[in-house]
Amino acid sequence: MMRMVLPIFCLLFSLSYALANPAETAESLDIDSRLELFVDDYLIESMKGVRLKLHEPRSAGKVLTFDRPWEGNLSIALGLLKHDDRYRLYYRGTSLPEYLRPSGLRTGEVLVPEHPGVFCYLESSDGIRWSRPSLGLHDFQGSQDNNIILEGGLGHPLLDPNPDVNS
């Protein structure tokens, strides 16, 4: 009987050790220096002494006001990219008067006449203070003093890291 207990004990010990210390069967995932949001355990090897916690958002005040005529009363489809040392915000501005009641206008505010959608660009070094560079690319109501990068169209900006892509 004793001769059988020792091999079983060794087998159980080996099994428990293997389960507690799994062998690396999958290759490590190289994320280089890329920032990652940890929302699950996909990129986390061990959670000893730590836990994932979702904190409540805190208002830091108004960051953006879409108040240029070409932005209209409907600025949507915001796309945010960080490239080099800048945050770049792309958005679609259009004016659809039926989306705003005249009684909802504040004193001094005017209803922007309907116009086709345009894609616009903002930039920031910190993600808090934004500027609208005057790009001079497209005419809007007789002026090219605006941040319009594309007239009409739909979509979202993409950043292709391939250095051979013609930008």
C-alpha atoms as a PDB file:
ATOM      1  CA  MET A   1       0.000   0.000   0.000  1.00  0.00           C
ATOM      2  CA  MET A   2       2.784   2.414   0.890  1.00  0.00           C
ATOM      3  CA  ARG A   3       4.478   1.676  -2.432  1.00  0.00           C
ATOM      4  CA  MET A   4       1.398   3.028  -4.229  1.00  0.00           C
ATOM      5  CA  VAL A   5       0.905   6.176  -2.086  1.00  0.00           C
ATOM      6  CA  LEU A   6       4.259   7.724  -2.897  1.00  0.00           C
ATOM      7  CA  PRO A   7       3.834   7.667  -6.713  1.00  0.00           C
ATOM      8  CA  ILE A   8       0.276   9.023  -6.389  1.00  0.00           C
ATOM      9  CA  PHE A   9       1.514  11.758  -4.043  1.00  0.00           C
ATOM     10  CA  CYS A  10       4.284  12.677  -6.523  1.00  0.00           C
ATOM     11  CA  LEU A  11       1.789  12.733  -9.386  1.00  0.00           C
ATOM     12  CA  LEU A  12      -0.646  14.964  -7.477  1.00  0.00           C
ATOM     13  CA  PHE A  13       2.166  17.261  -6.358  1.00  0.00           C
ATOM     14  CA  SER A  14       3.441  17.594  -9.935  1.00  0.00           C
ATOM     15  CA  LEU A  15      -0.069  18.269 -11.218  1.00  0.00           C
ATOM     16  CA  SER A  16      -0.782  20.918  -8.572  1.00  0.00           C
ATOM     17  CA  TYR A  17       2.584  22.582  -9.271  1.00  0.00           C
ATOM     18  CA  ALA A  18       1.889  22.628 -13.006  1.00  0.00           C
ATOM     19  CA  LEU A  19      -1.553  24.152 -12.475  1.00  0.00           C
ATOM     20  CA  ALA A  20      -0.171  26.788 -10.109  1.00  0.00           C
ATOM     21  CA  ASN A  21       2.743  27.612 -12.439  1.00  0.00           C
ATOM     22  CA  PRO A  22       1.547  27.117 -16.020  1.00  0.00           C
ATOM     23  CA  ALA A  23       4.239  26.806 -18.639  1.00  0.00           C
ATOM     24  CA  GLU A  24       4.460  29.602 -21.175  1.00  0.00           C
ATOM     25  CA  THR A  25       2.767  28.061 -24.156  1.00  0.00           C
ATOM     26  CA  ALA A  26       1.795  31.267 -25.933  1.00  0.00           C
ATOM     27  CA  GLU A  27       4.262  33.836 -27.159  1.00  0.00           C
ATOM     28  CA  SER A  28       4.407  37.135 -25.330  1.00  0.00           C
ATOM     29  CA  LEU A  29       2.457  39.935 -26.954  1.00  0.00           C
ATOM     30  CA  ASP A  30       4.816  42.772 -27.888  1.00  0.00           C
ATOM     31  CA  ILE A  31       3.044  46.104 -27.390  1.00  0.00           C
ATOM     32  CA  ASP A  32       6.306  48.064 -27.754  1.00  0.00           C
ATOM     33  CA  SER A  33       5.862  51.490 -26.126  1.00  0.00           C
ATOM     34  CA  ARG A  34       2.195  51.739 -27.073  1.00  0.00           C
ATOM     35  CA  LEU A  35      -0.201  52.871 -24.334  1.00  0.00           C
ATOM     36  CA  GLU A  36      -2.866  50.282 -23.532  1.00  0.00           C
ATOM     37  CA  LEU A  37      -6.079  50.550 -21.568  1.00  0.00           C
ATOM     38  CA  PHE A  38      -6.421  47.592 -19.204  1.00  0.00           C
ATOM     39  CA  VAL A  39     -10.105  46.681 -19.240  1.00  0.00           C
ATOM     40  CA  ASP A  40      -9.651  42.927 -18.966  1.00  0.00           C
ATOM     41  CA  ASP A  41      -6.881  40.430 -18.293  1.00  0.00           C
ATOM     42  CA  TYR A  42      -5.806  39.958 -21.913  1.00  0.00           C
ATOM     43  CA  LEU A  43      -2.540  41.870 -21.472  1.00  0.00           C
ATOM     44  CA  ILE A  44      -2.078  41.169 -17.762  1.00  0.00           C
ATOM     45  CA  GLU A  45      -0.052  38.156 -16.669  1.00  0.00           C
ATOM     46  CA  SER A  46      -0.715  38.396 -12.932  1.00  0.00           C
ATOM     47  CA  MET A  47      -3.160  40.280 -10.719  1.00  0.00           C
ATOM     48  CA  LYS A  48      -1.515  39.540  -7.354  1.00  0.00           C
ATOM     49  CA  GLY A  49      -2.114  42.466  -5.007  1.00  0.00           C
ATOM     50  CA  VAL A  50      -3.926  44.597  -7.595  1.00  0.00           C
ATOM     51  CA  ARG A  51      -7.375  44.902  -9.110  1.00  0.00           C
ATOM     52  CA  LEU A  52      -8.992  46.626 -12.038  1.00  0.00           C
ATOM     53  CA  LYS A  53     -11.159  49.565 -10.983  1.00  0.00           C
ATOM     54  CA  LEU A  54     -13.282  51.875 -13.095  1.00  0.00           C
ATOM     55  CA  HIS A  55     -13.227  55.355 -11.568  1.00  0.00           C
ATOM     56  CA  GLU A  56     -16.035  57.863 -11.884  1.00  0.00           C
ATOM     57  CA  PRO A  57     -15.417  60.593 -14.470  1.00  0.00           C
ATOM     58  CA  ARG A  58     -14.844  64.126 -13.177  1.00  0.00           C
ATOM     59  CA  SER A  59     -15.839  67.207 -15.093  1.00  0.00           C
ATOM     60  CA  ALA A  60     -12.932  69.500 -15.862  1.00  0.00           C
ATOM     61  CA  GLY A  61     -15.185  72.058 -17.525  1.00  0.00           C
ATOM     62  CA  LYS A  62     -15.913  72.808 -21.148  1.00  0.00           C
ATOM     63  CA  VAL A  63     -13.132  71.857 -23.533  1.00  0.00           C
ATOM     64  CA  LEU A  64     -14.634  72.616 -26.947  1.00  0.00           C
ATOM     65  CA  THR A  65     -17.264  74.908 -28.344  1.00  0.00           C
ATOM     66  CA  PHE A  66     -18.328  74.411 -31.922  1.00  0.00           C
ATOM     67  CA  ASP A  67     -19.260  77.974 -32.796  1.00  0.00           C
ATOM     68  CA  ARG A  68     -17.926  78.680 -36.282  1.00  0.00           C
ATOM     69  CA  PRO A  69     -20.419  79.083 -39.156  1.00  0.00           C
ATOM     70  CA  TRP A  70     -18.998  76.090 -41.071  1.00  0.00           C
ATOM     71  CA  GLU A  71     -19.435  73.917 -37.967  1.00  0.00           C
ATOM     72  CA  GLY A  72     -23.138  74.687 -38.068  1.00  0.00           C
ATOM     73  CA  ASN A  73     -25.503  73.425 -35.426  1.00  0.00           C
ATOM     74  CA  LEU A  74     -24.541  69.780 -35.789  1.00  0.00           C
ATOM     75  CA  SER A  75     -20.918  68.814 -35.155  1.00  0.00           C
ATOM     76  CA  ILE A  76     -20.596  65.046 -35.036  1.00  0.00           C
ATOM     77  CA  ALA A  77     -18.342  62.082 -35.818  1.00  0.00           C
ATOM     78  CA  LEU A  78     -15.438  63.161 -33.675  1.00  0.00           C
ATOM     79  CA  GLY A  79     -12.259  61.196 -34.304  1.00  0.00           C
ATOM     80  CA  LEU A  80      -9.248  61.688 -32.043  1.00  0.00           C
ATOM     81  CA  LEU A  81      -5.692  60.648 -32.932  1.00  0.00           C
ATOM     82  CA  LYS A  82      -2.417  61.248 -31.156  1.00  0.00           C
ATOM     83  CA  HIS A  83       0.373  61.653 -33.669  1.00  0.00           C
ATOM     84  CA  ASP A  84       3.878  62.747 -32.746  1.00  0.00           C
ATOM     85  CA  ASP A  85       3.505  65.390 -30.030  1.00  0.00           C
ATOM     86  CA  ARG A  86      -0.028  66.494 -30.966  1.00  0.00           C
ATOM     87  CA  TYR A  87      -3.588  65.420 -30.376  1.00  0.00           C
ATOM     88  CA  ARG A  88      -5.543  65.811 -33.577  1.00  0.00           C
ATOM     89  CA  LEU A  89      -9.330  66.005 -33.548  1.00  0.00           C
ATOM     90  CA  TYR A  90     -11.296  65.519 -36.746  1.00  0.00           C
ATOM     91  CA  TYR A  91     -15.024  66.191 -36.862  1.00  0.00           C
ATOM     92  CA  ARG A  92     -17.887  66.802 -39.238  1.00  0.00           C
ATOM     93  CA  GLY A  93     -19.731  70.095 -39.127  1.00  0.00           C
ATOM     94  CA  THR A  94     -23.017  70.748 -40.862  1.00  0.00           C
ATOM     95  CA  SER A  95     -26.064  72.897 -40.415  1.00  0.00           C
ATOM     96  CA  LEU A  96     -29.497  71.387 -40.359  1.00  0.00           C
ATOM     97  CA  PRO A  97     -31.925  74.047 -39.067  1.00  0.00           C
ATOM     98  CA  GLU A  98     -34.595  71.406 -38.403  1.00  0.00           C
ATOM     99  CA  TYR A  99     -32.363  70.075 -35.566  1.00  0.00           C
ATOM    100  CA  LEU A 100     -32.676  73.339 -33.624  1.00  0.00           C
ATOM    101  CA  ARG A 101     -35.753  75.209 -32.452  1.00  0.00           C
ATOM    102  CA  PRO A 102     -35.485  78.989 -32.897  1.00  0.00           C
ATOM    103  CA  SER A 103     -36.791  79.295 -29.329  1.00  0.00           C
ATOM    104  CA  GLY A 104     -33.707  77.335 -28.208  1.00  0.00           C
ATOM    105  CA  LEU A 105     -31.312  80.030 -29.409  1.00  0.00           C
ATOM    106  CA  ARG A 106     -29.532  82.144 -26.801  1.00  0.00           C
ATOM    107  CA  THR A 107     -29.512  85.930 -26.990  1.00  0.00           C
ATOM    108  CA  GLY A 108     -27.336  87.022 -29.905  1.00  0.00           C
ATOM    109  CA  GLU A 109     -27.180  83.523 -31.373  1.00  0.00           C
ATOM    110  CA  VAL A 110     -28.328  83.064 -34.947  1.00  0.00           C
ATOM    111  CA  LEU A 111     -29.532  80.013 -36.796  1.00  0.00           C
ATOM    112  CA  VAL A 112     -26.854  79.088 -39.344  1.00  0.00           C
ATOM    113  CA  PRO A 113     -28.404  78.491 -42.768  1.00  0.00           C
ATOM    114  CA  GLU A 114     -28.306  74.932 -44.026  1.00  0.00           C
ATOM    115  CA  HIS A 115     -25.053  73.965 -45.723  1.00  0.00           C
ATOM    116  CA  PRO A 116     -23.368  70.743 -46.840  1.00  0.00           C
ATOM    117  CA  GLY A 117     -21.204  68.912 -44.351  1.00  0.00           C
ATOM    118  CA  VAL A 118     -17.495  69.610 -44.019  1.00  0.00           C
ATOM    119  CA  PHE A 119     -14.717  67.825 -42.150  1.00  0.00           C
ATOM    120  CA  CYS A 120     -12.673  70.029 -39.857  1.00  0.00           C
ATOM    121  CA  TYR A 121      -9.464  69.761 -37.859  1.00  0.00           C
ATOM    122  CA  LEU A 122      -8.412  70.881 -34.381  1.00  0.00           C
ATOM    123  CA  GLU A 123      -5.080  70.325 -32.648  1.00  0.00           C
ATOM    124  CA  SER A 124      -3.780  70.346 -29.095  1.00  0.00           C
ATOM    125  CA  SER A 125      -0.552  69.613 -27.269  1.00  0.00           C
ATOM    126  CA  ASP A 126      -2.312  68.583 -24.042  1.00  0.00           C
ATOM    127  CA  GLY A 127      -5.841  67.473 -25.019  1.00  0.00           C
ATOM    128  CA  ILE A 128      -7.357  70.338 -23.017  1.00  0.00           C
ATOM    129  CA  ARG A 129      -6.584  73.545 -24.922  1.00  0.00           C
ATOM    130  CA  TRP A 130      -7.472  73.252 -28.616  1.00  0.00           C
ATOM    131  CA  SER A 131      -6.744  75.489 -31.566  1.00  0.00           C
ATOM    132  CA  ARG A 132      -8.324  75.756 -34.992  1.00  0.00           C
ATOM    133  CA  PRO A 133      -5.483  76.318 -37.416  1.00  0.00           C
ATOM    134  CA  SER A 134      -6.446  78.425 -40.398  1.00  0.00           C
ATOM    135  CA  LEU A 135      -5.604  75.930 -43.133  1.00  0.00           C
ATOM    136  CA  GLY A 136      -6.738  77.885 -46.192  1.00  0.00           C
ATOM    137  CA  LEU A 137      -7.722  74.681 -48.007  1.00  0.00           C
ATOM    138  CA  HIS A 138     -11.424  75.251 -48.733  1.00  0.00           C
ATOM    139  CA  ASP A 139     -13.676  78.229 -49.301  1.00  0.00           C
ATOM    140  CA  PHE A 140     -16.628  78.742 -46.950  1.00  0.00           C
ATOM    141  CA  GLN A 141     -18.945  81.678 -47.664  1.00  0.00           C
ATOM    142  CA  GLY A 142     -16.196  83.570 -49.506  1.00  0.00           C
ATOM    143  CA  SER A 143     -13.326  82.916 -47.084  1.00  0.00           C
ATOM    144  CA  GLN A 144     -10.598  80.315 -46.761  1.00  0.00           C
ATOM    145  CA  ASP A 145      -9.811  81.413 -43.186  1.00  0.00           C
ATOM    146  CA  ASN A 146     -11.076  78.165 -41.648  1.00  0.00           C
ATOM    147  CA  ASN A 147     -10.010  74.720 -40.450  1.00  0.00           C
ATOM    148  CA  ILE A 148     -11.893  72.746 -43.124  1.00  0.00           C
ATOM    149  CA  ILE A 149      -9.913  69.806 -44.511  1.00  0.00           C
ATOM    150  CA  LEU A 150     -12.582  68.154 -46.671  1.00  0.00           C
ATOM    151  CA  GLU A 151     -15.894  69.187 -48.179  1.00  0.00           C
ATOM    152  CA  GLY A 152     -18.677  66.615 -48.155  1.00  0.00           C
ATOM    153  CA  GLY A 153     -17.941  62.946 -47.762  1.00  0.00           C
ATOM    154  CA  LEU A 154     -18.285  60.613 -44.830  1.00  0.00           C
ATOM    155  CA  GLY A 155     -15.817  58.639 -42.774  1.00  0.00           C
ATOM    156  CA  HIS A 156     -13.273  58.799 -40.000  1.00  0.00           C
ATOM    157  CA  PRO A 157      -9.583  59.632 -40.038  1.00  0.00           C
ATOM    158  CA  LEU A 158      -7.045  56.827 -39.937  1.00  0.00           C
ATOM    159  CA  LEU A 159      -3.356  56.971 -39.199  1.00  0.00           C
ATOM    160  CA  ASP A 160      -1.405  54.516 -41.330  1.00  0.00           C
ATOM    161  CA  PRO A 161       1.980  53.804 -39.693  1.00  0.00           C
ATOM    162  CA  ASN A 162       3.403  52.503 -42.963  1.00  0.00           C
ATOM    163  CA  PRO A 163       6.181  54.970 -43.922  1.00  0.00           C
ATOM    164  CA  ASP A 164       5.720  54.112 -47.609  1.00  0.00           C
ATOM    165  CA  VAL A 165       2.135  55.390 -47.704  1.00  0.00           C
ATOM    166  CA  ASN A 166       1.736  58.591 -49.672  1.00  0.00           C
ATOM    167  CA  SER A 167       0.190  61.088 -47.275  1.00  0.00           C
END
